[in-house]
Amino acid sequence: MNGTAYFTHKDCWKHEMGAGHPECPERLDAIEDRLLITGVGDALDRREAPLASISDLELAHGRMLIASLRGLSDQLADEILAGGPTHAQIDPDTSMNVHTWTAALRAAGATLAATDAVLAGEVENAFCAVRPPGHHACRDKAMGFCYFNNIAVAAKYALERHGLKRVAIVDFDVHHGNGTEDIIRGDDRILMVSFFQHPYYPYTGAETQAANMVNLPVPAYTKGMDIRELIEMMWIPRLEEFKPEMIFISAGFDAHREDDLGQLGLTEQDYAWITMRLKDLAKRHARGRIVSSLEGGYNLGALARSVEAHIRVLADL
């Protein structure tokens, strides 16, 4: 096995939602700089993210959503030529610029190409340093900085295009992955496990769960050791019982104690520990197969260090 692939694309830098927005291109700069300075980047198999096809997006999303985002992008391009606005608003926190459509196709395309590479045995696992993120994107709705659900698309792709029987989705972002839950709820081929701050945006996930979900809502100021204990008690037994053939990670790093978009108390060591537990599980049940994709993480220093810690474990560094 040839280690860890690292998927990204320059188009992911071109999507931006205006000055001062936390989900900014500088997030990818911070990660790249950190991997360069520490030498971790040298150990990775760097690959360009392709564009996802519409038919693959339709594994997780309705045609109307895809068509409306594409239409909005085209309309925006026309309006800019006529001296109109540079952004189209999706919700109070989320907008598109003229590059968003392509960036979103690259972000989903990265997870699909990573899935192909891992299942072909070219690499053991992969990390996708992409934006926009995906886990708030529902089947028929873009929201919360997200347009297409990169990880849900990839999980469905592994099942539908590669014929896998069981895959797991792990979400450790500070926010509940409501979009992922919307897409995979009730699909018994997919087990989703997550923890998230509650009550907090998007104010979901604590209500009655589907049988294929393990949601762990935790209060603000929960520390990393408490999260680890919950993972051992609640995630691991369900994952062991489920025996996933592949693990997909919605890797949000905004539960870090230095991140202002959440109030949880995780550190880089906690992310390394979580990754270690998942890698151990993947080795036993899934031939080590993991695809991880960036979600949140808005304190640039904490984000960069946390991604480094996550990748070090994935790549055995």
C-alpha atoms as a PDB file:
ATOM      1  CA  MET A   1       0.000   0.000   0.000  1.00  0.00           C
ATOM      2  CA  ASN A   2       1.323   3.401  -0.948  1.00  0.00           C
ATOM      3  CA  GLY A   3       0.437   5.612   1.980  1.00  0.00           C
ATOM      4  CA  THR A   4      -1.824   8.639   1.821  1.00  0.00           C
ATOM      5  CA  ALA A   5      -3.131  10.662  -1.105  1.00  0.00           C
ATOM      6  CA  TYR A   6      -3.731  14.413  -0.725  1.00  0.00           C
ATOM      7  CA  PHE A   7      -6.354  15.868  -3.041  1.00  0.00           C
ATOM      8  CA  THR A   8      -6.820  19.583  -3.643  1.00  0.00           C
ATOM      9  CA  HIS A   9      -7.228  22.040  -6.531  1.00  0.00           C
ATOM     10  CA  LYS A  10      -6.511  25.719  -7.100  1.00  0.00           C
ATOM     11  CA  ASP A  11     -10.199  26.240  -7.977  1.00  0.00           C
ATOM     12  CA  CYS A  12     -11.031  25.627  -4.294  1.00  0.00           C
ATOM     13  CA  TRP A  13      -9.244  28.906  -3.447  1.00  0.00           C
ATOM     14  CA  LYS A  14     -11.367  30.965  -5.869  1.00  0.00           C
ATOM     15  CA  HIS A  15     -14.672  30.473  -4.065  1.00  0.00           C
ATOM     16  CA  GLU A  16     -15.142  33.183  -1.442  1.00  0.00           C
ATOM     17  CA  MET A  17     -18.125  34.712   0.342  1.00  0.00           C
ATOM     18  CA  GLY A  18     -16.905  38.232   1.018  1.00  0.00           C
ATOM     19  CA  ALA A  19     -14.436  40.025   3.295  1.00  0.00           C
ATOM     20  CA  GLY A  20     -14.289  38.764   6.870  1.00  0.00           C
ATOM     21  CA  HIS A  21     -16.177  35.519   6.201  1.00  0.00           C
ATOM     22  CA  PRO A  22     -14.723  32.699   8.349  1.00  0.00           C
ATOM     23  CA  GLU A  23     -14.987  30.094   5.569  1.00  0.00           C
ATOM     24  CA  CYS A  24     -12.238  31.730   3.520  1.00  0.00           C
ATOM     25  CA  PRO A  25      -9.512  30.683   1.031  1.00  0.00           C
ATOM     26  CA  GLU A  26      -6.866  31.407   3.697  1.00  0.00           C
ATOM     27  CA  ARG A  27      -7.968  28.195   5.434  1.00  0.00           C
ATOM     28  CA  LEU A  28      -6.338  26.176   2.644  1.00  0.00           C
ATOM     29  CA  ASP A  29      -3.261  28.435   2.700  1.00  0.00           C
ATOM     30  CA  ALA A  30      -2.827  27.737   6.422  1.00  0.00           C
ATOM     31  CA  ILE A  31      -2.985  23.974   5.846  1.00  0.00           C
ATOM     32  CA  GLU A  32      -0.579  24.074   2.893  1.00  0.00           C
ATOM     33  CA  ASP A  33       1.907  26.251   4.817  1.00  0.00           C
ATOM     34  CA  ARG A  34       1.828  23.924   7.812  1.00  0.00           C
ATOM     35  CA  LEU A  35       2.388  20.810   5.703  1.00  0.00           C
ATOM     36  CA  LEU A  36       5.280  22.558   3.958  1.00  0.00           C
ATOM     37  CA  ILE A  37       6.981  23.815   7.143  1.00  0.00           C
ATOM     38  CA  THR A  38       6.683  20.469   8.960  1.00  0.00           C
ATOM     39  CA  GLY A  39       7.701  18.387   5.939  1.00  0.00           C
ATOM     40  CA  VAL A  40       4.505  16.326   6.223  1.00  0.00           C
ATOM     41  CA  GLY A  41       3.517  17.400   2.705  1.00  0.00           C
ATOM     42  CA  ASP A  42       6.601  15.664   1.281  1.00  0.00           C
ATOM     43  CA  ALA A  43       5.289  12.283   2.426  1.00  0.00           C
ATOM     44  CA  LEU A  44       1.939  12.617   0.638  1.00  0.00           C
ATOM     45  CA  ASP A  45       0.852  11.531  -2.832  1.00  0.00           C
ATOM     46  CA  ARG A  46      -0.437  14.900  -4.126  1.00  0.00           C
ATOM     47  CA  ARG A  47      -3.256  14.726  -6.662  1.00  0.00           C
ATOM     48  CA  GLU A  48      -5.514  17.216  -8.443  1.00  0.00           C
ATOM     49  CA  ALA A  49      -9.208  17.055  -7.663  1.00  0.00           C
ATOM     50  CA  PRO A  50     -11.273  16.431 -10.800  1.00  0.00           C
ATOM     51  CA  LEU A  51     -14.761  17.851 -11.395  1.00  0.00           C
ATOM     52  CA  ALA A  52     -17.592  15.671 -10.084  1.00  0.00           C
ATOM     53  CA  SER A  53     -20.077  14.603 -12.745  1.00  0.00           C
ATOM     54  CA  ILE A  54     -23.718  15.618 -12.436  1.00  0.00           C
ATOM     55  CA  SER A  55     -24.764  11.947 -12.441  1.00  0.00           C
ATOM     56  CA  ASP A  56     -22.536  11.261  -9.426  1.00  0.00           C
ATOM     57  CA  LEU A  57     -23.893  14.311  -7.572  1.00  0.00           C
ATOM     58  CA  GLU A  58     -27.381  12.916  -8.197  1.00  0.00           C
ATOM     59  CA  LEU A  59     -26.507   9.910  -6.010  1.00  0.00           C
ATOM     60  CA  ALA A  60     -27.019  12.243  -3.026  1.00  0.00           C
ATOM     61  CA  HIS A  61     -28.821  15.321  -4.375  1.00  0.00           C
ATOM     62  CA  GLY A  62     -32.051  16.122  -6.187  1.00  0.00           C
ATOM     63  CA  ARG A  63     -31.854  17.400  -9.759  1.00  0.00           C
ATOM     64  CA  MET A  64     -33.610  20.627  -8.830  1.00  0.00           C
ATOM     65  CA  LEU A  65     -30.893  21.616  -6.333  1.00  0.00           C
ATOM     66  CA  ILE A  66     -28.111  20.912  -8.827  1.00  0.00           C
ATOM     67  CA  ALA A  67     -29.918  22.773 -11.617  1.00  0.00           C
ATOM     68  CA  SER A  68     -30.732  25.754  -9.381  1.00  0.00           C
ATOM     69  CA  LEU A  69     -27.106  26.156  -8.221  1.00  0.00           C
ATOM     70  CA  ARG A  70     -25.861  25.901 -11.783  1.00  0.00           C
ATOM     71  CA  GLY A  71     -28.502  28.415 -12.906  1.00  0.00           C
ATOM     72  CA  LEU A  72     -27.573  30.791 -10.094  1.00  0.00           C
ATOM     73  CA  SER A  73     -23.928  30.589 -11.153  1.00  0.00           C
ATOM     74  CA  ASP A  74     -24.754  31.376 -14.789  1.00  0.00           C
ATOM     75  CA  GLN A  75     -27.065  34.219 -13.766  1.00  0.00           C
ATOM     76  CA  LEU A  76     -24.359  35.689 -11.535  1.00  0.00           C
ATOM     77  CA  ALA A  77     -21.846  35.639 -14.408  1.00  0.00           C
ATOM     78  CA  ASP A  78     -24.328  37.571 -16.577  1.00  0.00           C
ATOM     79  CA  GLU A  79     -25.077  40.096 -13.822  1.00  0.00           C
ATOM     80  CA  ILE A  80     -21.378  40.738 -13.155  1.00  0.00           C
ATOM     81  CA  LEU A  81     -20.862  41.507 -16.857  1.00  0.00           C
ATOM     82  CA  ALA A  82     -23.690  44.039 -16.554  1.00  0.00           C
ATOM     83  CA  GLY A  83     -22.062  45.625 -13.489  1.00  0.00           C
ATOM     84  CA  GLY A  84     -24.376  43.874 -11.007  1.00  0.00           C
ATOM     85  CA  PRO A  85     -23.660  42.151  -7.648  1.00  0.00           C
ATOM     86  CA  THR A  86     -20.641  39.864  -7.248  1.00  0.00           C
ATOM     87  CA  HIS A  87     -22.383  37.386  -4.902  1.00  0.00           C
ATOM     88  CA  ALA A  88     -25.703  35.519  -4.881  1.00  0.00           C
ATOM     89  CA  GLN A  89     -27.103  34.864  -1.404  1.00  0.00           C
ATOM     90  CA  ILE A  90     -28.186  31.308  -0.479  1.00  0.00           C
ATOM     91  CA  ASP A  91     -28.864  31.927   3.230  1.00  0.00           C
ATOM     92  CA  PRO A  92     -27.725  34.611   5.731  1.00  0.00           C
ATOM     93  CA  ASP A  93     -24.257  32.979   6.071  1.00  0.00           C
ATOM     94  CA  THR A  94     -23.824  31.431   2.629  1.00  0.00           C
ATOM     95  CA  SER A  95     -23.366  32.980  -0.795  1.00  0.00           C
ATOM     96  CA  MET A  96     -21.945  32.080  -4.192  1.00  0.00           C
ATOM     97  CA  ASN A  97     -19.439  33.959  -6.287  1.00  0.00           C
ATOM     98  CA  VAL A  98     -18.785  33.240  -9.944  1.00  0.00           C
ATOM     99  CA  HIS A  99     -16.244  30.511  -9.005  1.00  0.00           C
ATOM    100  CA  THR A 100     -18.348  28.674  -6.397  1.00  0.00           C
ATOM    101  CA  TRP A 101     -19.979  26.230  -8.816  1.00  0.00           C
ATOM    102  CA  THR A 102     -16.605  24.972 -10.098  1.00  0.00           C
ATOM    103  CA  ALA A 103     -15.081  24.875  -6.609  1.00  0.00           C
ATOM    104  CA  ALA A 104     -18.045  22.825  -5.342  1.00  0.00           C
ATOM    105  CA  LEU A 105     -17.629  20.376  -8.237  1.00  0.00           C
ATOM    106  CA  ARG A 106     -13.906  20.052  -7.388  1.00  0.00           C
ATOM    107  CA  ALA A 107     -14.656  19.489  -3.668  1.00  0.00           C
ATOM    108  CA  ALA A 108     -17.073  16.649  -4.446  1.00  0.00           C
ATOM    109  CA  GLY A 109     -14.808  15.407  -7.236  1.00  0.00           C
ATOM    110  CA  ALA A 110     -11.923  15.121  -4.773  1.00  0.00           C
ATOM    111  CA  THR A 111     -13.826  12.711  -2.525  1.00  0.00           C
ATOM    112  CA  LEU A 112     -14.912  10.645  -5.548  1.00  0.00           C
ATOM    113  CA  ALA A 113     -11.376  10.425  -6.965  1.00  0.00           C
ATOM    114  CA  ALA A 114     -10.087   9.616  -3.472  1.00  0.00           C
ATOM    115  CA  THR A 115     -12.646   6.804  -3.229  1.00  0.00           C
ATOM    116  CA  ASP A 116     -11.509   5.434  -6.597  1.00  0.00           C
ATOM    117  CA  ALA A 117      -7.818   5.607  -5.621  1.00  0.00           C
ATOM    118  CA  VAL A 118      -8.341   3.932  -2.243  1.00  0.00           C
ATOM    119  CA  LEU A 119     -10.585   1.180  -3.622  1.00  0.00           C
ATOM    120  CA  ALA A 120      -8.114   0.533  -6.461  1.00  0.00           C
ATOM    121  CA  GLY A 121      -5.414  -0.014  -3.819  1.00  0.00           C
ATOM    122  CA  GLU A 122      -3.255   2.828  -5.196  1.00  0.00           C
ATOM    123  CA  VAL A 123      -3.163   4.361  -1.707  1.00  0.00           C
ATOM    124  CA  GLU A 124      -4.331   3.157   1.683  1.00  0.00           C
ATOM    125  CA  ASN A 125      -6.245   6.334   2.526  1.00  0.00           C
ATOM    126  CA  ALA A 126      -6.741   9.928   1.404  1.00  0.00           C
ATOM    127  CA  PHE A 127      -7.308  13.446   2.721  1.00  0.00           C
ATOM    128  CA  CYS A 128      -9.152  16.044   0.645  1.00  0.00           C
ATOM    129  CA  ALA A 129      -8.059  19.626   1.380  1.00  0.00           C
ATOM    130  CA  VAL A 130     -11.042  21.197  -0.347  1.00  0.00           C
ATOM    131  CA  ARG A 131     -13.640  23.887   0.078  1.00  0.00           C
ATOM    132  CA  PRO A 132     -16.513  24.581   0.071  1.00  0.00           C
ATOM    133  CA  PRO A 133     -17.268  22.063   2.826  1.00  0.00           C
ATOM    134  CA  GLY A 134     -20.287  19.772   2.531  1.00  0.00           C
ATOM    135  CA  HIS A 135     -21.934  18.295   5.606  1.00  0.00           C
ATOM    136  CA  HIS A 136     -24.783  20.840   5.921  1.00  0.00           C
ATOM    137  CA  ALA A 137     -25.848  20.352   2.290  1.00  0.00           C
ATOM    138  CA  CYS A 138     -29.108  18.397   2.296  1.00  0.00           C
ATOM    139  CA  ARG A 139     -30.542  16.355  -0.552  1.00  0.00           C
ATOM    140  CA  ASP A 140     -32.517  19.341  -1.844  1.00  0.00           C
ATOM    141  CA  LYS A 141     -30.983  22.351  -0.093  1.00  0.00           C
ATOM    142  CA  ALA A 142     -27.641  24.182   0.106  1.00  0.00           C
ATOM    143  CA  MET A 143     -26.973  25.850   3.483  1.00  0.00           C
ATOM    144  CA  GLY A 144     -24.391  26.552   6.189  1.00  0.00           C
ATOM    145  CA  PHE A 145     -21.389  27.283   3.875  1.00  0.00           C
ATOM    146  CA  CYS A 146     -22.163  24.028   1.968  1.00  0.00           C
ATOM    147  CA  TYR A 147     -23.499  23.385  -1.566  1.00  0.00           C
ATOM    148  CA  PHE A 148     -22.923  19.683  -2.283  1.00  0.00           C
ATOM    149  CA  ASN A 149     -22.385  17.067   0.411  1.00  0.00           C
ATOM    150  CA  ASN A 150     -18.909  15.850  -0.520  1.00  0.00           C
ATOM    151  CA  ILE A 151     -18.774  12.950   1.932  1.00  0.00           C
ATOM    152  CA  ALA A 152     -22.365  11.747   1.397  1.00  0.00           C
ATOM    153  CA  VAL A 153     -21.808  11.787  -2.380  1.00  0.00           C
ATOM    154  CA  ALA A 154     -18.639   9.699  -1.939  1.00  0.00           C
ATOM    155  CA  ALA A 155     -20.297   7.229   0.445  1.00  0.00           C
ATOM    156  CA  LYS A 156     -23.192   6.669  -1.973  1.00  0.00           C
ATOM    157  CA  TYR A 157     -20.688   6.382  -4.838  1.00  0.00           C
ATOM    158  CA  ALA A 158     -18.765   3.630  -3.013  1.00  0.00           C
ATOM    159  CA  LEU A 159     -22.009   1.689  -2.609  1.00  0.00           C
ATOM    160  CA  GLU A 160     -23.602   2.333  -6.009  1.00  0.00           C
ATOM    161  CA  ARG A 161     -20.591   2.488  -8.348  1.00  0.00           C
ATOM    162  CA  HIS A 162     -18.137   0.198  -6.547  1.00  0.00           C
ATOM    163  CA  GLY A 163     -20.606  -2.307  -5.098  1.00  0.00           C
ATOM    164  CA  LEU A 164     -19.593  -2.034  -1.445  1.00  0.00           C
ATOM    165  CA  LYS A 165     -22.188  -3.362   1.007  1.00  0.00           C
ATOM    166  CA  ARG A 166     -21.473  -1.298   4.135  1.00  0.00           C
ATOM    167  CA  VAL A 167     -19.726   2.045   4.669  1.00  0.00           C
ATOM    168  CA  ALA A 168     -19.416   4.258   7.716  1.00  0.00           C
ATOM    169  CA  ILE A 169     -19.473   8.051   7.906  1.00  0.00           C
ATOM    170  CA  VAL A 170     -17.731   9.665  10.872  1.00  0.00           C
ATOM    171  CA  ASP A 171     -18.391  13.370  11.512  1.00  0.00           C
ATOM    172  CA  PHE A 172     -16.377  15.176  14.201  1.00  0.00           C
ATOM    173  CA  ASP A 173     -17.211  18.755  13.207  1.00  0.00           C
ATOM    174  CA  VAL A 174     -18.515  20.983  16.035  1.00  0.00           C
ATOM    175  CA  HIS A 175     -21.808  21.359  14.109  1.00  0.00           C
ATOM    176  CA  HIS A 176     -24.269  18.539  13.466  1.00  0.00           C
ATOM    177  CA  GLY A 177     -24.008  17.179   9.918  1.00  0.00           C
ATOM    178  CA  ASN A 178     -27.704  17.696   9.256  1.00  0.00           C
ATOM    179  CA  GLY A 179     -27.249  17.454   5.487  1.00  0.00           C
ATOM    180  CA  THR A 180     -25.509  14.096   5.704  1.00  0.00           C
ATOM    181  CA  GLU A 181     -28.208  12.801   8.031  1.00  0.00           C
ATOM    182  CA  ASP A 182     -30.912  14.056   5.634  1.00  0.00           C
ATOM    183  CA  ILE A 183     -29.296  12.168   2.736  1.00  0.00           C
ATOM    184  CA  ILE A 184     -28.455   8.863   4.441  1.00  0.00           C
ATOM    185  CA  ARG A 185     -31.185   8.549   7.086  1.00  0.00           C
ATOM    186  CA  GLY A 186     -32.717   5.072   6.911  1.00  0.00           C
ATOM    187  CA  ASP A 187     -30.145   3.675   4.442  1.00  0.00           C
ATOM    188  CA  ASP A 188     -28.971   0.632   6.374  1.00  0.00           C
ATOM    189  CA  ARG A 189     -25.868   0.269   4.163  1.00  0.00           C
ATOM    190  CA  ILE A 190     -24.482   3.415   5.845  1.00  0.00           C
ATOM    191  CA  LEU A 191     -23.777   3.882   9.561  1.00  0.00           C
ATOM    192  CA  MET A 192     -23.173   7.501  10.575  1.00  0.00           C
ATOM    193  CA  VAL A 193     -21.535   8.335  13.899  1.00  0.00           C
ATOM    194  CA  SER A 194     -20.988  11.877  15.119  1.00  0.00           C
ATOM    195  CA  PHE A 195     -20.627  14.189  18.067  1.00  0.00           C
ATOM    196  CA  PHE A 196     -21.503  17.889  18.001  1.00  0.00           C
ATOM    197  CA  GLN A 197     -22.144  20.827  20.283  1.00  0.00           C
ATOM    198  CA  HIS A 198     -25.826  21.134  21.231  1.00  0.00           C
ATOM    199  CA  PRO A 199     -27.841  23.296  21.305  1.00  0.00           C
ATOM    200  CA  TYR A 200     -25.999  24.978  18.440  1.00  0.00           C
ATOM    201  CA  TYR A 201     -26.324  25.583  14.696  1.00  0.00           C
ATOM    202  CA  PRO A 202     -28.132  23.955  12.883  1.00  0.00           C
ATOM    203  CA  TYR A 203     -30.157  22.992  15.987  1.00  0.00           C
ATOM    204  CA  THR A 204     -30.714  19.411  14.814  1.00  0.00           C
ATOM    205  CA  GLY A 205     -29.458  15.920  15.606  1.00  0.00           C
ATOM    206  CA  ALA A 206     -30.635  15.548  19.200  1.00  0.00           C
ATOM    207  CA  GLU A 207     -34.188  14.527  18.250  1.00  0.00           C
ATOM    208  CA  THR A 208     -35.236  10.946  17.527  1.00  0.00           C
ATOM    209  CA  GLN A 209     -32.525   9.222  15.556  1.00  0.00           C
ATOM    210  CA  ALA A 210     -32.800   6.827  12.654  1.00  0.00           C
ATOM    211  CA  ALA A 211     -31.504   3.311  13.302  1.00  0.00           C
ATOM    212  CA  ASN A 212     -28.381   3.965  11.197  1.00  0.00           C
ATOM    213  CA  MET A 213     -27.296   7.030  13.209  1.00  0.00           C
ATOM    214  CA  VAL A 214     -25.243   7.417  16.392  1.00  0.00           C
ATOM    215  CA  ASN A 215     -25.582  11.116  17.239  1.00  0.00           C
ATOM    216  CA  LEU A 216     -23.838  12.353  20.388  1.00  0.00           C
ATOM    217  CA  PRO A 217     -25.019  15.887  21.247  1.00  0.00           C
ATOM    218  CA  VAL A 218     -22.686  17.390  23.868  1.00  0.00           C
ATOM    219  CA  PRO A 219     -22.934  20.668  25.802  1.00  0.00           C
ATOM    220  CA  ALA A 220     -20.635  23.640  25.264  1.00  0.00           C
ATOM    221  CA  TYR A 221     -17.247  23.420  27.032  1.00  0.00           C
ATOM    222  CA  THR A 222     -17.078  19.609  26.800  1.00  0.00           C
ATOM    223  CA  LYS A 223     -13.399  18.632  26.883  1.00  0.00           C
ATOM    224  CA  GLY A 224     -11.476  16.237  24.691  1.00  0.00           C
ATOM    225  CA  MET A 225     -11.148  13.487  27.314  1.00  0.00           C
ATOM    226  CA  ASP A 226     -14.931  13.406  27.748  1.00  0.00           C
ATOM    227  CA  ILE A 227     -15.360  13.156  23.979  1.00  0.00           C
ATOM    228  CA  ARG A 228     -12.866  10.280  23.866  1.00  0.00           C
ATOM    229  CA  GLU A 229     -14.830   8.434  26.541  1.00  0.00           C
ATOM    230  CA  LEU A 230     -18.086   8.900  24.615  1.00  0.00           C
ATOM    231  CA  ILE A 231     -16.438   7.635  21.429  1.00  0.00           C
ATOM    232  CA  GLU A 232     -15.191   4.493  23.204  1.00  0.00           C
ATOM    233  CA  MET A 233     -18.615   3.855  24.734  1.00  0.00           C
ATOM    234  CA  MET A 234     -20.941   4.825  21.887  1.00  0.00           C
ATOM    235  CA  TRP A 235     -19.189   4.924  18.501  1.00  0.00           C
ATOM    236  CA  ILE A 236     -16.705   2.083  18.651  1.00  0.00           C
ATOM    237  CA  PRO A 237     -19.084  -0.754  19.634  1.00  0.00           C
ATOM    238  CA  ARG A 238     -21.522   0.211  16.863  1.00  0.00           C
ATOM    239  CA  LEU A 239     -18.738   0.509  14.291  1.00  0.00           C
ATOM    240  CA  GLU A 240     -17.241  -2.840  15.367  1.00  0.00           C
ATOM    241  CA  GLU A 241     -20.637  -4.501  15.056  1.00  0.00           C
ATOM    242  CA  PHE A 242     -21.314  -2.863  11.671  1.00  0.00           C
ATOM    243  CA  LYS A 243     -17.921  -3.854  10.166  1.00  0.00           C
ATOM    244  CA  PRO A 244     -17.730  -1.117   7.524  1.00  0.00           C
ATOM    245  CA  GLU A 245     -15.871  -1.939   4.310  1.00  0.00           C
ATOM    246  CA  MET A 246     -14.754   1.690   4.072  1.00  0.00           C
ATOM    247  CA  ILE A 247     -14.770   4.726   6.380  1.00  0.00           C
ATOM    248  CA  PHE A 248     -15.555   8.276   5.266  1.00  0.00           C
ATOM    249  CA  ILE A 249     -14.660  11.167   7.560  1.00  0.00           C
ATOM    250  CA  SER A 250     -16.285  14.595   7.643  1.00  0.00           C
ATOM    251  CA  ALA A 251     -13.178  16.174   9.139  1.00  0.00           C
ATOM    252  CA  GLY A 252     -14.227  19.437  10.762  1.00  0.00           C
ATOM    253  CA  PHE A 253     -11.703  20.916  13.184  1.00  0.00           C
ATOM    254  CA  ASP A 254     -13.902  23.645  14.699  1.00  0.00           C
ATOM    255  CA  ALA A 255     -14.412  21.695  17.933  1.00  0.00           C
ATOM    256  CA  HIS A 256     -10.834  22.821  18.768  1.00  0.00           C
ATOM    257  CA  ARG A 257     -10.668  24.872  21.963  1.00  0.00           C
ATOM    258  CA  GLU A 258      -9.159  27.845  20.075  1.00  0.00           C
ATOM    259  CA  ASP A 259     -11.948  27.998  17.468  1.00  0.00           C
ATOM    260  CA  ASP A 260     -14.424  30.832  17.968  1.00  0.00           C
ATOM    261  CA  LEU A 261     -17.161  29.217  15.873  1.00  0.00           C
ATOM    262  CA  GLY A 262     -17.731  26.609  18.577  1.00  0.00           C
ATOM    263  CA  GLN A 263     -17.286  26.167  22.323  1.00  0.00           C
ATOM    264  CA  LEU A 264     -15.870  22.657  22.629  1.00  0.00           C
ATOM    265  CA  GLY A 265     -12.455  21.903  24.110  1.00  0.00           C
ATOM    266  CA  LEU A 266     -10.618  19.569  21.739  1.00  0.00           C
ATOM    267  CA  THR A 267      -6.901  19.819  20.915  1.00  0.00           C
ATOM    268  CA  GLU A 268      -4.670  18.434  18.159  1.00  0.00           C
ATOM    269  CA  GLN A 269      -3.933  15.412  20.384  1.00  0.00           C
ATOM    270  CA  ASP A 270      -7.650  14.590  20.495  1.00  0.00           C
ATOM    271  CA  TYR A 271      -7.904  14.673  16.696  1.00  0.00           C
ATOM    272  CA  ALA A 272      -4.840  12.410  16.469  1.00  0.00           C
ATOM    273  CA  TRP A 273      -6.428  10.008  18.967  1.00  0.00           C
ATOM    274  CA  ILE A 274      -9.760   9.911  17.104  1.00  0.00           C
ATOM    275  CA  THR A 275      -7.930   9.297  13.821  1.00  0.00           C
ATOM    276  CA  MET A 276      -5.898   6.512  15.465  1.00  0.00           C
ATOM    277  CA  ARG A 277      -9.065   4.757  16.693  1.00  0.00           C
ATOM    278  CA  LEU A 278     -10.666   5.017  13.255  1.00  0.00           C
ATOM    279  CA  LYS A 279      -7.511   3.824  11.519  1.00  0.00           C
ATOM    280  CA  ASP A 280      -7.292   0.850  13.856  1.00  0.00           C
ATOM    281  CA  LEU A 281     -10.917  -0.009  13.069  1.00  0.00           C
ATOM    282  CA  ALA A 282     -10.396   0.438   9.320  1.00  0.00           C
ATOM    283  CA  LYS A 283      -7.405  -1.930   9.430  1.00  0.00           C
ATOM    284  CA  ARG A 284      -9.528  -4.645  11.028  1.00  0.00           C
ATOM    285  CA  HIS A 285     -12.674  -4.331   8.924  1.00  0.00           C
ATOM    286  CA  ALA A 286     -11.974  -2.191   5.848  1.00  0.00           C
ATOM    287  CA  ARG A 287      -8.419  -3.057   4.694  1.00  0.00           C
ATOM    288  CA  GLY A 288      -7.397   0.336   6.071  1.00  0.00           C
ATOM    289  CA  ARG A 289      -9.608   2.199   3.585  1.00  0.00           C
ATOM    290  CA  ILE A 290     -10.387   5.762   4.726  1.00  0.00           C
ATOM    291  CA  VAL A 291     -11.360   8.895   2.794  1.00  0.00           C
ATOM    292  CA  SER A 292     -11.329  12.076   4.863  1.00  0.00           C
ATOM    293  CA  SER A 293     -12.533  15.466   3.657  1.00  0.00           C
ATOM    294  CA  LEU A 294     -12.202  18.911   5.230  1.00  0.00           C
ATOM    295  CA  GLU A 295     -15.323  20.434   6.758  1.00  0.00           C
ATOM    296  CA  GLY A 296     -15.076  23.243   9.363  1.00  0.00           C
ATOM    297  CA  GLY A 297     -12.151  24.774  11.248  1.00  0.00           C
ATOM    298  CA  TYR A 298     -11.851  28.551  11.328  1.00  0.00           C
ATOM    299  CA  ASN A 299      -8.989  29.457  13.659  1.00  0.00           C
ATOM    300  CA  LEU A 300      -6.219  29.228  11.066  1.00  0.00           C
ATOM    301  CA  GLY A 301      -3.459  28.155  13.445  1.00  0.00           C
ATOM    302  CA  ALA A 302      -5.558  25.532  15.223  1.00  0.00           C
ATOM    303  CA  LEU A 303      -6.921  24.276  11.899  1.00  0.00           C
ATOM    304  CA  ALA A 304      -3.465  23.859  10.364  1.00  0.00           C
ATOM    305  CA  ARG A 305      -2.051  22.035  13.407  1.00  0.00           C
ATOM    306  CA  SER A 306      -5.123  19.783  13.691  1.00  0.00           C
ATOM    307  CA  VAL A 307      -5.043  18.799  10.018  1.00  0.00           C
ATOM    308  CA  GLU A 308      -1.333  18.052  10.386  1.00  0.00           C
ATOM    309  CA  ALA A 309      -2.060  15.810  13.398  1.00  0.00           C
ATOM    310  CA  HIS A 310      -4.870  14.045  11.492  1.00  0.00           C
ATOM    311  CA  ILE A 311      -2.711  13.476   8.392  1.00  0.00           C
ATOM    312  CA  ARG A 312       0.309  12.312  10.418  1.00  0.00           C
ATOM    313  CA  VAL A 313      -1.792   9.433  11.767  1.00  0.00           C
ATOM    314  CA  LEU A 314      -3.316   8.622   8.375  1.00  0.00           C
ATOM    315  CA  ALA A 315       0.146   8.557   6.760  1.00  0.00           C
ATOM    316  CA  ASP A 316       1.954   6.757   9.640  1.00  0.00           C
ATOM    317  CA  LEU A 317       4.357   9.669  10.122  1.00  0.00           C
END
